[in-house]
């Protein structure tokens, strides 16, 4: 029984201190790169959330105007100004969901790429 034949060969285990340093720097660089990317996406999401709140406020103002004009209908038609606002709200909600999914997907891709580049893929 030789433990050497069962050991997985990785760049870190075969490179000694310099190999470990190289792997550590690669990990640090990819983490920094991903963190900056996540921060940018987070800023985009924050801006869209702010815009979404503005659209909801516009919709509320429009509803209030309709009520003040004597039109007591509960529902507003989707054509005209209300329709435009509702379309914008739907678009922003979808875009925010997309950006959240993109962040998650980006993280998974980053981790998989790093595992592949460092030879750390799960092999049973």
Protein backbone atom coordinates (compact mmCIF):
# COMPACT_ATOMS: atom_id res chain seq x y z
CA UNK A 1 0.00 0.00 0.00
CA UNK A 2 1.65 3.12 -1.20
CA UNK A 3 0.07 6.44 -0.27
CA UNK A 4 2.02 8.17 -3.03
CA UNK A 5 -0.01 6.47 -5.77
CA UNK A 6 -3.30 7.56 -4.21
CA UNK A 7 -2.33 11.20 -3.65
CA UNK A 8 -3.77 13.70 -6.06
CA UNK A 9 -1.21 15.80 -7.85
CA UNK A 10 -2.05 19.51 -7.71
CA UNK A 11 0.00 22.51 -8.71
CA UNK A 12 0.22 23.54 -5.06
CA UNK A 13 1.50 20.18 -3.85
CA UNK A 14 4.17 19.89 -6.53
CA UNK A 15 5.44 23.48 -6.47
CA UNK A 16 6.42 23.93 -2.85
CA UNK A 17 6.41 27.39 -1.35
CA UNK A 18 6.54 29.20 -4.69
CA UNK A 19 3.74 27.02 -6.04
CA UNK A 20 1.62 27.81 -3.00
CA UNK A 21 2.35 31.51 -3.37
CA UNK A 22 1.40 31.41 -7.03
CA UNK A 23 -1.87 29.60 -6.28
CA UNK A 24 -2.62 32.01 -3.43
CA UNK A 25 -2.05 35.03 -5.65
CA UNK A 26 -4.28 33.57 -8.37
CA UNK A 27 -7.03 32.96 -5.83
CA UNK A 28 -6.61 36.47 -4.40
CA UNK A 29 -6.71 38.03 -7.88
CA UNK A 30 -9.83 36.12 -8.96
CA UNK A 31 -11.57 36.94 -5.66
CA UNK A 32 -10.76 40.64 -6.03
CA UNK A 33 -11.93 40.59 -9.63
CA UNK A 34 -15.19 38.88 -8.67
CA UNK A 35 -15.73 41.23 -5.72
CA UNK A 36 -15.36 44.31 -7.93
CA UNK A 37 -17.74 42.77 -10.45
CA UNK A 38 -20.25 42.05 -7.68
CA UNK A 39 -19.96 45.60 -6.38
CA UNK A 40 -20.65 47.02 -9.85
CA UNK A 41 -23.68 44.75 -10.25
CA UNK A 42 -24.84 45.72 -6.75
CA UNK A 43 -24.62 49.39 -7.70
CA UNK A 44 -26.67 48.72 -10.84
CA UNK A 45 -29.29 46.89 -8.77
CA UNK A 46 -29.40 49.73 -6.25
CA UNK A 47 -29.96 52.26 -9.04
CA UNK A 48 -32.73 50.12 -10.54
CA UNK A 49 -34.37 49.71 -7.12
CA UNK A 50 -34.36 53.50 -6.77
CA UNK A 51 -35.87 53.89 -10.23
CA UNK A 52 -38.48 51.21 -9.40
CA UNK A 53 -39.54 53.17 -6.30
CA UNK A 54 -39.88 56.29 -8.45
CA UNK A 55 -42.13 54.41 -10.88
CA UNK A 56 -44.30 53.15 -8.02
CA UNK A 57 -44.56 56.74 -6.74
CA UNK A 58 -45.64 57.93 -10.20
CA UNK A 59 -48.25 55.19 -10.33
CA UNK A 60 -49.54 56.22 -6.92
CA UNK A 61 -49.75 59.86 -7.98
CA UNK A 62 -51.63 58.88 -11.12
CA UNK A 63 -54.08 56.81 -9.07
CA UNK A 64 -54.59 59.73 -6.69
CA UNK A 65 -55.27 62.10 -9.61
CA UNK A 66 -57.87 59.69 -10.98
CA UNK A 67 -59.57 59.49 -7.61
CA UNK A 68 -59.54 63.28 -7.16
CA UNK A 69 -61.09 63.79 -10.59
CA UNK A 70 -64.15 61.85 -9.49
CA UNK A 71 -63.25 58.63 -11.28
CA UNK A 72 -63.58 56.14 -8.42
CA UNK A 73 -62.78 53.07 -10.50
CA UNK A 74 -60.49 50.69 -8.63
CA UNK A 75 -58.62 49.58 -11.74
CA UNK A 76 -56.72 51.83 -14.10
CA UNK A 77 -56.56 50.88 -17.77
CA UNK A 78 -53.20 49.61 -19.01
CA UNK A 79 -53.25 52.00 -21.91
CA UNK A 80 -52.02 55.53 -21.63
CA UNK A 81 -49.79 56.79 -18.85
CA UNK A 82 -50.63 54.00 -16.40
CA UNK A 83 -49.69 51.38 -18.97
CA UNK A 84 -46.33 52.98 -19.60
CA UNK A 85 -45.59 53.13 -15.89
CA UNK A 86 -46.66 49.51 -15.35
CA UNK A 87 -44.53 48.37 -18.28
CA UNK A 88 -41.54 50.19 -16.83
CA UNK A 89 -42.16 48.60 -13.41
CA UNK A 90 -42.33 45.13 -14.97
CA UNK A 91 -39.15 45.75 -16.94
CA UNK A 92 -37.22 46.96 -13.89
CA UNK A 93 -38.39 44.00 -11.78
CA UNK A 94 -37.28 41.56 -14.48
CA UNK A 95 -33.94 43.31 -14.91
CA UNK A 96 -33.26 43.24 -11.16
CA UNK A 97 -34.01 39.50 -11.05
CA UNK A 98 -31.73 38.97 -14.04
CA UNK A 99 -28.86 40.84 -12.38
CA UNK A 100 -29.25 38.81 -9.18
CA UNK A 101 -29.15 35.58 -11.22
CA UNK A 102 -26.15 36.90 -13.14
CA UNK A 103 -24.27 37.51 -9.87
CA UNK A 104 -24.97 33.95 -8.73
CA UNK A 105 -24.02 32.48 -12.10
CA UNK A 106 -20.85 34.56 -12.25
CA UNK A 107 -19.79 33.31 -8.83
CA UNK A 108 -20.32 29.68 -9.80
CA UNK A 109 -18.44 30.14 -13.07
CA UNK A 110 -15.55 31.84 -11.26
CA UNK A 111 -15.25 28.99 -8.78
CA UNK A 112 -15.48 26.31 -11.49
CA UNK A 113 -12.89 28.07 -13.66
CA UNK A 114 -10.54 28.41 -10.69
CA UNK A 115 -10.92 24.73 -9.80
CA UNK A 116 -10.23 23.77 -13.40
CA UNK A 117 -7.19 26.05 -13.74
CA UNK A 118 -5.70 24.78 -10.48
CA UNK A 119 -6.49 21.13 -11.21
CA UNK A 120 -8.82 20.87 -8.23
CA UNK A 121 -11.88 19.41 -9.97
CA UNK A 122 -13.76 16.85 -7.93
CA UNK A 123 -12.68 13.40 -9.07
CA UNK A 124 -13.86 10.33 -7.20
